Amino acid sequence: MSALVNVSPFNGVAVPVLDRIEARSRLVEFRDGTQIFAQGDASDSVYAIIGGPGRVRIGAVGRSAKGLMVEIFGIGDIFGEIGVINSGTRTADAFADGNVRLLRIGAPLFRETLAEHAALGRNLCGTLAIRLRRTFDLFQDATFESLEVRLARQVLYLARREGRRSEHGLRLAGRFRQGDLADLLGATTRSIITILNAWRSSGLVIYDGNRAQLTLVDEAALQALIDVGAAG
């Protein structure tokens, strides 16, 4: 059975069609830290994440080497579709965070499938709408909210999306160095350290710097920070 059966934008597309797509595509694997593509590259393919313990980080680096992490994708997600749909260049960088296995679907094949199968179009519209809504939320937060509220919203989003329950709380999947958390918000590492130290002192989180693991101990308190910020 095609690995694309478990990739959400392809839900409802007939299995024989998925088998043909997979047969005409290429299986690729990337090790932790490897760049998959760079902002400004030609958009020659769409990638479906079909395996591996890792994920894919999407973001960009500014002229001053300041980073911004836009999104993190895991098994069942696709990425790289924007440039393929509008025949433009890559809008961001993509890096492997841990080892990942991807199916590389060429741009002509993806556009051909999109034109011929309504289910892919419907699913893709839903996917893009969710991502656009999240982008707007990030933009709105960056304009109106404090850094602490923005960090609380992002760590709750990541934890609720892919978090793992432990005896201490809800742990974010994967590694998040303090600099990575700063990149989530386009902030400085020092400012994130200050917030994390305050949260640890208040018993809201546990942060293991050696393993780069963040565990949310008091989700309700973090949600309250967001709610108070929204009310203010």
Protein backbone atom coordinates (compact mmCIF):
# COMPACT_ATOMS: atom_id res chain seq x y z
CA MET A 1 0.00 0.00 0.00
CA SER A 2 1.25 3.48 -0.85
CA ALA A 3 2.86 5.49 1.92
CA LEU A 4 0.73 8.44 0.75
CA VAL A 5 -2.37 6.82 2.26
CA ASN A 6 -1.32 8.32 5.60
CA VAL A 7 -0.47 11.78 4.21
CA SER A 8 -3.45 13.99 5.01
CA PRO A 9 -3.70 16.07 1.78
CA PHE A 10 -4.06 12.82 -0.18
CA ASN A 11 -7.00 11.54 1.89
CA GLY A 12 -9.75 10.36 -0.43
CA VAL A 13 -7.51 9.93 -3.46
CA ALA A 14 -7.89 6.39 -4.84
CA VAL A 15 -5.16 3.96 -3.82
CA PRO A 16 -4.22 3.07 -7.42
CA VAL A 17 -3.64 6.77 -8.08
CA LEU A 18 -1.46 7.04 -4.97
CA ASP A 19 0.49 3.97 -6.11
CA ARG A 20 1.17 5.62 -9.47
CA ILE A 21 2.29 8.85 -7.80
CA GLU A 22 4.66 6.95 -5.54
CA ALA A 23 6.04 4.95 -8.48
CA ARG A 24 6.83 8.18 -10.34
CA SER A 25 8.35 9.87 -7.27
CA ARG A 26 11.60 9.40 -5.39
CA LEU A 27 12.15 8.24 -1.83
CA VAL A 28 14.77 10.40 -0.09
CA GLU A 29 16.17 10.42 3.43
CA PHE A 30 17.76 13.31 5.29
CA ARG A 31 19.84 13.16 8.43
CA ASP A 32 19.47 15.52 11.36
CA GLY A 33 20.51 19.08 10.49
CA THR A 34 20.60 18.57 6.72
CA GLN A 35 19.15 21.35 4.59
CA ILE A 36 16.43 20.07 2.27
CA PHE A 37 16.05 23.30 0.32
CA ALA A 38 16.80 26.99 0.74
CA GLN A 39 14.69 30.10 0.43
CA GLY A 40 14.87 31.31 -3.16
CA ASP A 41 15.55 27.87 -4.66
CA ALA A 42 13.52 26.70 -7.64
CA SER A 43 10.32 24.95 -6.53
CA ASP A 44 10.79 21.71 -8.43
CA SER A 45 8.98 19.35 -6.07
CA VAL A 46 6.61 18.80 -3.15
CA TYR A 47 7.72 16.67 -0.21
CA ALA A 48 5.54 14.29 1.77
CA ILE A 49 6.85 13.20 5.18
CA ILE A 50 6.31 9.44 5.35
CA GLY A 51 8.65 8.18 8.05
CA GLY A 52 11.51 8.60 10.49
CA PRO A 53 11.61 9.78 14.08
CA GLY A 54 12.42 13.35 13.08
CA ARG A 55 10.48 16.29 11.68
CA VAL A 56 11.07 19.13 9.24
CA ARG A 57 11.59 22.72 10.34
CA ILE A 58 10.53 25.53 8.04
CA GLY A 59 11.95 29.03 8.53
CA ALA A 60 14.30 31.72 7.38
CA VAL A 61 17.46 33.53 8.45
CA GLY A 62 17.76 37.33 8.17
CA ARG A 63 20.73 39.38 7.05
CA SER A 64 21.95 39.67 10.63
CA ALA A 65 21.81 35.84 11.00
CA LYS A 66 18.71 36.14 13.19
CA GLY A 67 16.47 33.13 12.68
CA LEU A 68 12.71 32.71 12.39
CA MET A 69 11.09 29.27 12.64
CA VAL A 70 7.75 29.36 10.85
CA GLU A 71 6.48 25.82 11.32
CA ILE A 72 7.44 22.25 12.20
CA PHE A 73 6.02 19.38 10.16
CA GLY A 74 5.83 15.69 10.99
CA ILE A 75 4.70 12.39 9.48
CA GLY A 76 1.58 12.85 7.38
CA ASP A 77 2.35 16.45 6.40
CA ILE A 78 3.49 17.89 3.09
CA PHE A 79 5.67 20.93 2.51
CA GLY A 80 7.07 22.86 -0.43
CA GLU A 81 3.67 23.09 -2.09
CA ILE A 82 3.38 26.89 -2.22
CA GLY A 83 6.14 27.48 -4.74
CA VAL A 84 4.96 24.53 -6.84
CA ILE A 85 1.37 25.77 -6.99
CA ASN A 86 2.27 29.30 -8.10
CA SER A 87 5.46 28.32 -10.01
CA GLY A 88 7.50 30.59 -7.77
CA THR A 89 10.66 30.07 -5.75
CA ARG A 90 10.90 28.56 -2.28
CA THR A 91 9.45 30.92 0.34
CA ALA A 92 11.56 29.56 3.23
CA ASP A 93 14.37 27.20 4.22
CA ALA A 94 13.65 23.57 5.15
CA PHE A 95 15.88 21.54 7.49
CA ALA A 96 15.65 18.01 8.86
CA ASP A 97 15.24 17.97 12.64
CA GLY A 98 16.22 14.38 13.32
CA ASN A 99 16.28 11.74 10.60
CA VAL A 100 13.33 11.87 8.21
CA ARG A 101 12.13 9.87 5.22
CA LEU A 102 10.38 11.82 2.47
CA LEU A 103 8.67 11.16 -0.82
CA ARG A 104 9.80 13.75 -3.35
CA ILE A 105 6.96 14.40 -5.80
CA GLY A 106 8.03 16.33 -8.88
CA ALA A 107 6.25 19.62 -9.55
CA PRO A 108 4.69 18.55 -12.90
CA LEU A 109 3.33 15.36 -11.34
CA PHE A 110 1.90 17.19 -8.34
CA ARG A 111 0.20 19.82 -10.51
CA GLU A 112 -1.13 17.10 -12.81
CA THR A 113 -2.63 15.22 -9.85
CA LEU A 114 -4.06 18.41 -8.41
CA ALA A 115 -5.81 19.17 -11.72
CA GLU A 116 -7.26 15.68 -12.10
CA HIS A 117 -8.33 14.74 -8.56
CA ALA A 118 -10.75 16.97 -6.68
CA ALA A 119 -10.05 15.30 -3.32
CA LEU A 120 -6.46 16.54 -3.36
CA GLY A 121 -7.63 20.04 -4.21
CA ARG A 122 -10.20 20.10 -1.39
CA ASN A 123 -7.73 18.74 1.14
CA LEU A 124 -5.02 21.13 0.03
CA CYS A 125 -7.39 24.09 0.36
CA GLY A 126 -8.11 23.02 3.93
CA THR A 127 -4.42 22.59 4.70
CA LEU A 128 -3.52 25.99 3.27
CA ALA A 129 -6.40 27.65 5.13
CA ILE A 130 -5.14 26.24 8.44
CA ARG A 131 -1.60 27.39 7.69
CA LEU A 132 -2.79 30.85 6.61
CA ARG A 133 -4.82 31.20 9.80
CA ARG A 134 -1.76 30.26 11.87
CA THR A 135 0.37 32.75 9.94
CA PHE A 136 -2.17 35.50 10.64
CA ASP A 137 -2.23 34.57 14.34
CA LEU A 138 1.58 34.80 14.46
CA PHE A 139 1.50 38.18 12.74
CA GLN A 140 -1.21 39.44 15.08
CA ASP A 141 0.68 38.23 18.15
CA ALA A 142 3.91 39.85 16.97
CA THR A 143 2.04 43.15 16.67
CA PHE A 144 -0.06 43.17 19.81
CA GLU A 145 1.20 40.66 22.40
CA SER A 146 4.11 40.55 24.81
CA LEU A 147 6.96 38.13 24.20
CA GLU A 148 5.88 36.00 27.17
CA VAL A 149 2.36 35.58 25.81
CA ARG A 150 3.71 34.76 22.35
CA LEU A 151 6.06 32.12 23.77
CA ALA A 152 3.27 30.58 25.85
CA ARG A 153 1.04 30.33 22.79
CA GLN A 154 3.74 28.69 20.67
CA VAL A 155 4.87 26.10 23.21
CA LEU A 156 1.25 25.15 23.92
CA TYR A 157 0.60 24.82 20.20
CA LEU A 158 3.61 22.54 19.72
CA ALA A 159 2.90 20.50 22.83
CA ARG A 160 -0.77 19.95 21.98
CA ARG A 161 0.09 19.07 18.40
CA GLU A 162 2.84 16.52 18.99
CA GLY A 163 3.54 16.52 22.72
CA ARG A 164 4.18 13.39 24.76
CA ARG A 165 2.75 12.84 28.20
CA SER A 166 5.24 12.09 30.97
CA GLU A 167 5.02 11.85 34.73
CA HIS A 168 5.92 15.53 34.97
CA GLY A 169 3.65 16.95 32.30
CA LEU A 170 3.34 17.43 28.54
CA ARG A 171 6.76 17.34 26.85
CA LEU A 172 7.41 18.92 23.48
CA ALA A 173 8.42 16.35 20.86
CA GLY A 174 11.99 16.71 19.70
CA ARG A 175 14.72 19.04 20.86
CA PHE A 176 14.27 22.74 21.45
CA ARG A 177 17.38 24.61 22.40
CA GLN A 178 16.84 28.05 23.86
CA GLY A 179 17.93 29.50 20.53
CA ASP A 180 15.31 27.38 18.76
CA LEU A 181 12.61 28.78 21.03
CA ALA A 182 13.90 32.26 20.23
CA ASP A 183 13.63 31.48 16.52
CA LEU A 184 9.96 30.56 16.99
CA LEU A 185 9.34 34.22 17.75
CA GLY A 186 12.16 36.02 16.00
CA ALA A 187 13.42 36.98 19.47
CA THR A 188 16.81 36.96 21.20
CA THR A 189 18.01 33.91 23.09
CA ARG A 190 18.64 36.03 26.19
CA SER A 191 15.00 37.15 26.33
CA ILE A 192 13.80 33.54 26.07
CA ILE A 193 16.17 32.45 28.86
CA THR A 194 14.72 35.16 31.11
CA ILE A 195 11.16 33.94 30.51
CA LEU A 196 12.07 30.26 30.93
CA ASN A 197 13.84 30.98 34.22
CA ALA A 198 10.76 32.80 35.51
CA TRP A 199 8.50 29.94 34.42
CA ARG A 200 10.74 27.35 36.03
CA SER A 201 10.78 29.31 39.29
CA SER A 202 6.97 29.42 39.21
CA GLY A 203 6.68 25.69 38.50
CA LEU A 204 5.14 26.16 35.05
CA VAL A 205 7.77 24.25 33.08
CA ILE A 206 10.79 21.99 33.37
CA TYR A 207 13.60 22.66 30.95
CA ASP A 208 16.44 20.17 30.51
CA GLY A 209 19.19 22.18 28.84
CA ASN A 210 21.41 19.16 28.21
CA ARG A 211 18.71 17.32 26.29
CA ALA A 212 17.02 20.48 24.99
CA GLN A 213 13.68 19.18 26.25
CA LEU A 214 10.84 21.40 27.44
CA THR A 215 8.05 19.95 29.58
CA LEU A 216 4.90 21.92 30.35
CA VAL A 217 4.04 21.21 33.97
CA ASP A 218 1.11 23.63 34.34
CA GLU A 219 -0.72 23.96 31.03
CA ALA A 220 -3.61 25.81 32.67
CA ALA A 221 -1.30 28.54 33.96
CA LEU A 222 0.29 28.99 30.54
CA GLN A 223 -3.17 29.19 28.96
CA ALA A 224 -4.15 31.77 31.57
CA LEU A 225 -1.19 33.92 30.48
CA ILE A 226 -2.56 33.87 26.95
CA ASP A 227 -6.12 34.58 28.04
CA VAL A 228 -5.06 37.51 30.20
CA GLY A 229 -3.02 38.90 27.32
CA ALA A 230 -5.97 38.61 24.95
CA ALA A 231 -8.29 40.26 27.46
CA GLY A 232 -5.85 43.11 28.01
